[in-house]
Amino acid sequence: MTSLEIKFEVLKKWQTIKAAAEDLGTSRSALSYCIWKKRRSPELRQKLAHALGMTIEELFGDS
């Protein structure tokens, strides 16, 4: 998925990035960096993929 598609999935589930970050136990900025693929956090990527019902590969296109 592209970063924009990931963002839309996050907003569809949580309505805001801040709400998603709180639910995932991280900061808004860390989640944004993860969505836009600026920083790779394996733990956060796994949490986000699981919360959206996807694998890391489906969500980010890699492992």
PDB file of N, CA and C in Angstrom:
ATOM      1  N   MET A   1       0.845  -1.183   0.000  1.00  0.00           N
ATOM      2  CA  MET A   1       0.000   0.000   0.000  1.00  0.00           C
ATOM      3  C   MET A   1       0.887   1.243   0.000  1.00  0.00           C
ATOM      4  N   THR A   2       0.370   2.294  -0.573  1.00  0.00           N
ATOM      5  CA  THR A   2       1.091   3.559  -0.512  1.00  0.00           C
ATOM      6  C   THR A   2       0.868   4.177   0.867  1.00  0.00           C
ATOM      7  N   SER A   3       1.678   5.151   1.203  1.00  0.00           N
ATOM      8  CA  SER A   3       1.526   5.832   2.490  1.00  0.00           C
ATOM      9  C   SER A   3       0.155   6.478   2.608  1.00  0.00           C
ATOM     10  N   LEU A   4      -0.329   7.048   1.520  1.00  0.00           N
ATOM     11  CA  LEU A   4      -1.642   7.687   1.545  1.00  0.00           C
ATOM     12  C   LEU A   4      -2.753   6.664   1.790  1.00  0.00           C
ATOM     13  N   GLU A   5      -2.636   5.492   1.190  1.00  0.00           N
ATOM     14  CA  GLU A   5      -3.619   4.429   1.416  1.00  0.00           C
ATOM     15  C   GLU A   5      -3.588   3.952   2.865  1.00  0.00           C
ATOM     16  N   ILE A   6      -2.387   3.844   3.426  1.00  0.00           N
ATOM     17  CA  ILE A   6      -2.263   3.450   4.836  1.00  0.00           C
ATOM     18  C   ILE A   6      -2.926   4.499   5.723  1.00  0.00           C
ATOM     19  N   LYS A   7      -2.665   5.772   5.425  1.00  0.00           N
ATOM     20  CA  LYS A   7      -3.260   6.855   6.216  1.00  0.00           C
ATOM     21  C   LYS A   7      -4.787   6.781   6.158  1.00  0.00           C
ATOM     22  N   PHE A   8      -5.347   6.542   4.979  1.00  0.00           N
ATOM     23  CA  PHE A   8      -6.799   6.431   4.854  1.00  0.00           C
ATOM     24  C   PHE A   8      -7.345   5.268   5.677  1.00  0.00           C
ATOM     25  N   GLU A   9      -6.632   4.142   5.700  1.00  0.00           N
ATOM     26  CA  GLU A   9      -7.061   2.996   6.506  1.00  0.00           C
ATOM     27  C   GLU A   9      -7.044   3.348   7.995  1.00  0.00           C
ATOM     28  N   VAL A  10      -6.009   4.059   8.423  1.00  0.00           N
ATOM     29  CA  VAL A  10      -5.908   4.490   9.824  1.00  0.00           C
ATOM     30  C   VAL A  10      -7.064   5.428  10.165  1.00  0.00           C
ATOM     31  N   LEU A  11      -7.321   6.398   9.293  1.00  0.00           N
ATOM     32  CA  LEU A  11      -8.398   7.356   9.553  1.00  0.00           C
ATOM     33  C   LEU A  11      -9.772   6.687   9.526  1.00  0.00           C
ATOM     34  N   LYS A  12      -9.934   5.679   8.678  1.00  0.00           N
ATOM     35  CA  LYS A  12     -11.204   4.952   8.611  1.00  0.00           C
ATOM     36  C   LYS A  12     -11.477   4.228   9.939  1.00  0.00           C
ATOM     37  N   LYS A  13     -10.424   3.682  10.533  1.00  0.00           N
ATOM     38  CA  LYS A  13     -10.585   2.924  11.780  1.00  0.00           C
ATOM     39  C   LYS A  13     -10.665   3.827  13.009  1.00  0.00           C
ATOM     40  N   TRP A  14      -9.805   4.864  13.070  1.00  0.00           N
ATOM     41  CA  TRP A  14      -9.701   5.674  14.291  1.00  0.00           C
ATOM     42  C   TRP A  14     -10.163   7.122  14.148  1.00  0.00           C
ATOM     43  N   GLN A  15     -10.413   7.608  12.978  1.00  0.00           N
ATOM     44  CA  GLN A  15     -10.816   8.983  12.682  1.00  0.00           C
ATOM     45  C   GLN A  15      -9.681  10.005  12.774  1.00  0.00           C
ATOM     46  N   THR A  16      -8.716   9.799  13.665  1.00  0.00           N
ATOM     47  CA  THR A  16      -7.564  10.709  13.744  1.00  0.00           C
ATOM     48  C   THR A  16      -6.281   9.910  13.966  1.00  0.00           C
ATOM     49  N   ILE A  17      -5.170  10.510  13.558  1.00  0.00           N
ATOM     50  CA  ILE A  17      -3.861   9.897  13.785  1.00  0.00           C
ATOM     51  C   ILE A  17      -3.579   9.856  15.286  1.00  0.00           C
ATOM     52  N   LYS A  18      -3.982  10.910  15.988  1.00  0.00           N
ATOM     53  CA  LYS A  18      -3.756  10.979  17.432  1.00  0.00           C
ATOM     54  C   LYS A  18      -4.468   9.835  18.156  1.00  0.00           C
ATOM     55  N   ALA A  19      -5.720   9.571  17.793  1.00  0.00           N
ATOM     56  CA  ALA A  19      -6.474   8.479  18.422  1.00  0.00           C
ATOM     57  C   ALA A  19      -5.818   7.134  18.128  1.00  0.00           C
ATOM     58  N   ALA A  20      -5.351   6.959  16.909  1.00  0.00           N
ATOM     59  CA  ALA A  20      -4.667   5.713  16.543  1.00  0.00           C
ATOM     60  C   ALA A  20      -3.393   5.551  17.356  1.00  0.00           C
ATOM     61  N   ALA A  21      -2.631   6.628  17.469  1.00  0.00           N
ATOM     62  CA  ALA A  21      -1.376   6.579  18.216  1.00  0.00           C
ATOM     63  C   ALA A  21      -1.629   6.212  19.677  1.00  0.00           C
ATOM     64  N   GLU A  22      -2.639   6.831  20.276  1.00  0.00           N
ATOM     65  CA  GLU A  22      -2.964   6.525  21.671  1.00  0.00           C
ATOM     66  C   GLU A  22      -3.357   5.056  21.826  1.00  0.00           C
ATOM     67  N   ASP A  23      -4.160   4.555  20.908  1.00  0.00           N
ATOM     68  CA  ASP A  23      -4.599   3.162  20.965  1.00  0.00           C
ATOM     69  C   ASP A  23      -3.434   2.194  20.774  1.00  0.00           C
ATOM     70  N   LEU A  24      -2.469   2.589  19.945  1.00  0.00           N
ATOM     71  CA  LEU A  24      -1.313   1.733  19.672  1.00  0.00           C
ATOM     72  C   LEU A  24      -0.185   1.923  20.688  1.00  0.00           C
ATOM     73  N   GLY A  25      -0.348   2.884  21.595  1.00  0.00           N
ATOM     74  CA  GLY A  25       0.652   3.105  22.636  1.00  0.00           C
ATOM     75  C   GLY A  25       1.910   3.792  22.145  1.00  0.00           C
ATOM     76  N   THR A  26       1.739   4.739  21.229  1.00  0.00           N
ATOM     77  CA  THR A  26       2.886   5.458  20.690  1.00  0.00           C
ATOM     78  C   THR A  26       2.530   6.932  20.533  1.00  0.00           C
ATOM     79  N   SER A  27       3.469   7.719  20.059  1.00  0.00           N
ATOM     80  CA  SER A  27       3.195   9.138  19.843  1.00  0.00           C
ATOM     81  C   SER A  27       2.636   9.360  18.443  1.00  0.00           C
ATOM     82  N   ARG A  28       1.958  10.479  18.279  1.00  0.00           N
ATOM     83  CA  ARG A  28       1.410  10.832  16.974  1.00  0.00           C
ATOM     84  C   ARG A  28       2.513  10.948  15.939  1.00  0.00           C
ATOM     85  N   SER A  29       3.622  11.570  16.325  1.00  0.00           N
ATOM     86  CA  SER A  29       4.722  11.753  15.369  1.00  0.00           C
ATOM     87  C   SER A  29       5.360  10.418  14.981  1.00  0.00           C
ATOM     88  N   ALA A  30       5.518   9.508  15.935  1.00  0.00           N
ATOM     89  CA  ALA A  30       6.093   8.193  15.614  1.00  0.00           C
ATOM     90  C   ALA A  30       5.194   7.436  14.642  1.00  0.00           C
ATOM     91  N   LEU A  31       3.886   7.521  14.851  1.00  0.00           N
ATOM     92  CA  LEU A  31       2.955   6.849  13.947  1.00  0.00           C
ATOM     93  C   LEU A  31       2.999   7.483  12.561  1.00  0.00           C
ATOM     94  N   SER A  32       3.061   8.789  12.505  1.00  0.00           N
ATOM     95  CA  SER A  32       3.147   9.467  11.204  1.00  0.00           C
ATOM     96  C   SER A  32       4.410   9.062  10.460  1.00  0.00           C
ATOM     97  N   TYR A  33       5.538   9.024  11.162  1.00  0.00           N
ATOM     98  CA  TYR A  33       6.786   8.584  10.524  1.00  0.00           C
ATOM     99  C   TYR A  33       6.660   7.156  10.008  1.00  0.00           C
ATOM    100  N   CYS A  34       5.987   6.311  10.762  1.00  0.00           N
ATOM    101  CA  CYS A  34       5.791   4.921  10.347  1.00  0.00           C
ATOM    102  C   CYS A  34       4.913   4.860   9.092  1.00  0.00           C
ATOM    103  N   ILE A  35       3.810   5.594   9.098  1.00  0.00           N
ATOM    104  CA  ILE A  35       2.895   5.603   7.950  1.00  0.00           C
ATOM    105  C   ILE A  35       3.597   6.105   6.694  1.00  0.00           C
ATOM    106  N   TRP A  36       4.372   7.166   6.828  1.00  0.00           N
ATOM    107  CA  TRP A  36       5.045   7.771   5.674  1.00  0.00           C
ATOM    108  C   TRP A  36       6.387   7.115   5.377  1.00  0.00           C
ATOM    109  N   LYS A  37       6.681   6.009   6.097  1.00  0.00           N
ATOM    110  CA  LYS A  37       7.867   5.182   5.855  1.00  0.00           C
ATOM    111  C   LYS A  37       9.178   5.955   6.001  1.00  0.00           C
ATOM    112  N   LYS A  38       9.175   6.928   6.912  1.00  0.00           N
ATOM    113  CA  LYS A  38      10.388   7.706   7.188  1.00  0.00           C
ATOM    114  C   LYS A  38      11.269   7.000   8.211  1.00  0.00           C
ATOM    115  N   ARG A  39      10.622   6.260   9.120  1.00  0.00           N
ATOM    116  CA  ARG A  39      11.358   5.478  10.124  1.00  0.00           C
ATOM    117  C   ARG A  39      10.743   4.098  10.187  1.00  0.00           C
ATOM    118  N   ARG A  40      11.606   3.105  10.320  1.00  0.00           N
ATOM    119  CA  ARG A  40      11.131   1.723  10.409  1.00  0.00           C
ATOM    120  C   ARG A  40      11.177   1.277  11.867  1.00  0.00           C
ATOM    121  N   SER A  41      10.030   1.100  12.432  1.00  0.00           N
ATOM    122  CA  SER A  41       9.923   0.564  13.787  1.00  0.00           C
ATOM    123  C   SER A  41       9.198  -0.775  13.671  1.00  0.00           C
ATOM    124  N   PRO A  42       9.947  -1.879  13.726  1.00  0.00           N
ATOM    125  CA  PRO A  42       9.305  -3.192  13.560  1.00  0.00           C
ATOM    126  C   PRO A  42       8.134  -3.418  14.512  1.00  0.00           C
ATOM    127  N   GLU A  43       8.284  -2.995  15.756  1.00  0.00           N
ATOM    128  CA  GLU A  43       7.221  -3.193  16.740  1.00  0.00           C
ATOM    129  C   GLU A  43       5.970  -2.395  16.370  1.00  0.00           C
ATOM    130  N   LEU A  44       6.146  -1.136  16.001  1.00  0.00           N
ATOM    131  CA  LEU A  44       5.006  -0.292  15.639  1.00  0.00           C
ATOM    132  C   LEU A  44       4.369  -0.764  14.336  1.00  0.00           C
ATOM    133  N   ARG A  45       5.192  -1.151  13.374  1.00  0.00           N
ATOM    134  CA  ARG A  45       4.659  -1.666  12.109  1.00  0.00           C
ATOM    135  C   ARG A  45       3.804  -2.910  12.359  1.00  0.00           C
ATOM    136  N   GLN A  46       4.261  -3.789  13.255  1.00  0.00           N
ATOM    137  CA  GLN A  46       3.508  -5.001  13.588  1.00  0.00           C
ATOM    138  C   GLN A  46       2.194  -4.649  14.273  1.00  0.00           C
ATOM    139  N   LYS A  47       2.239  -3.730  15.238  1.00  0.00           N
ATOM    140  CA  LYS A  47       1.022  -3.320  15.948  1.00  0.00           C
ATOM    141  C   LYS A  47       0.001  -2.722  14.986  1.00  0.00           C
ATOM    142  N   LEU A  48       0.469  -1.857  14.087  1.00  0.00           N
ATOM    143  CA  LEU A  48      -0.426  -1.205  13.138  1.00  0.00           C
ATOM    144  C   LEU A  48      -1.033  -2.221  12.175  1.00  0.00           C
ATOM    145  N   ALA A  49      -0.205  -3.090  11.642  1.00  0.00           N
ATOM    146  CA  ALA A  49      -0.700  -4.110  10.714  1.00  0.00           C
ATOM    147  C   ALA A  49      -1.737  -5.001  11.399  1.00  0.00           C
ATOM    148  N   HIS A  50      -1.440  -5.437  12.614  1.00  0.00           N
ATOM    149  CA  HIS A  50      -2.368  -6.298  13.357  1.00  0.00           C
ATOM    150  C   HIS A  50      -3.692  -5.574  13.615  1.00  0.00           C
ATOM    151  N   ALA A  51      -3.612  -4.310  14.031  1.00  0.00           N
ATOM    152  CA  ALA A  51      -4.823  -3.536  14.325  1.00  0.00           C
ATOM    153  C   ALA A  51      -5.691  -3.346  13.083  1.00  0.00           C
ATOM    154  N   LEU A  52      -5.058  -3.292  11.917  1.00  0.00           N
ATOM    155  CA  LEU A  52      -5.803  -3.119  10.668  1.00  0.00           C
ATOM    156  C   LEU A  52      -6.162  -4.456  10.019  1.00  0.00           C
ATOM    157  N   GLY A  53      -5.805  -5.559  10.679  1.00  0.00           N
ATOM    158  CA  GLY A  53      -6.144  -6.882  10.163  1.00  0.00           C
ATOM    159  C   GLY A  53      -5.356  -7.279   8.932  1.00  0.00           C
ATOM    160  N   MET A  54      -4.106  -6.832   8.874  1.00  0.00           N
ATOM    161  CA  MET A  54      -3.245  -7.125   7.726  1.00  0.00           C
ATOM    162  C   MET A  54      -1.903  -7.643   8.212  1.00  0.00           C
ATOM    163  N   THR A  55      -1.112  -8.143   7.271  1.00  0.00           N
ATOM    164  CA  THR A  55       0.272  -8.490   7.586  1.00  0.00           C
ATOM    165  C   THR A  55       1.138  -7.272   7.292  1.00  0.00           C
ATOM    166  N   ILE A  56       2.355  -7.290   7.817  1.00  0.00           N
ATOM    167  CA  ILE A  56       3.291  -6.198   7.525  1.00  0.00           C
ATOM    168  C   ILE A  56       3.531  -6.110   6.024  1.00  0.00           C
ATOM    169  N   GLU A  57       3.638  -7.261   5.377  1.00  0.00           N
ATOM    170  CA  GLU A  57       3.886  -7.286   3.936  1.00  0.00           C
ATOM    171  C   GLU A  57       2.735  -6.659   3.158  1.00  0.00           C
ATOM    172  N   GLU A  58       1.499  -6.954   3.570  1.00  0.00           N
ATOM    173  CA  GLU A  58       0.333  -6.364   2.904  1.00  0.00           C
ATOM    174  C   GLU A  58       0.292  -4.852   3.103  1.00  0.00           C
ATOM    175  N   LEU A  59       0.613  -4.422   4.306  1.00  0.00           N
ATOM    176  CA  LEU A  59       0.501  -3.006   4.637  1.00  0.00           C
ATOM    177  C   LEU A  59       1.646  -2.184   4.073  1.00  0.00           C
ATOM    178  N   PHE A  60       2.865  -2.675   4.242  1.00  0.00           N
ATOM    179  CA  PHE A  60       4.032  -1.888   3.854  1.00  0.00           C
ATOM    180  C   PHE A  60       4.738  -2.391   2.604  1.00  0.00           C
ATOM    181  N   GLY A  61       4.337  -3.552   2.118  1.00  0.00           N
ATOM    182  CA  GLY A  61       4.937  -4.073   0.899  1.00  0.00           C
ATOM    183  C   GLY A  61       6.296  -4.704   1.081  1.00  0.00           C
ATOM    184  N   ASP A  62       6.688  -4.943   2.330  1.00  0.00           N
ATOM    185  CA  ASP A  62       7.976  -5.586   2.628  1.00  0.00           C
ATOM    186  C   ASP A  62       7.897  -6.252   3.987  1.00  0.00           C
ATOM    187  N   SER A  63       9.033  -6.741   4.455  1.00  0.00           N
ATOM    188  CA  SER A  63       9.032  -7.412   5.765  1.00  0.00           C
ATOM    189  C   SER A  63       9.786  -6.640   6.807  1.00  0.00           C
TER     190      SER A  63
END
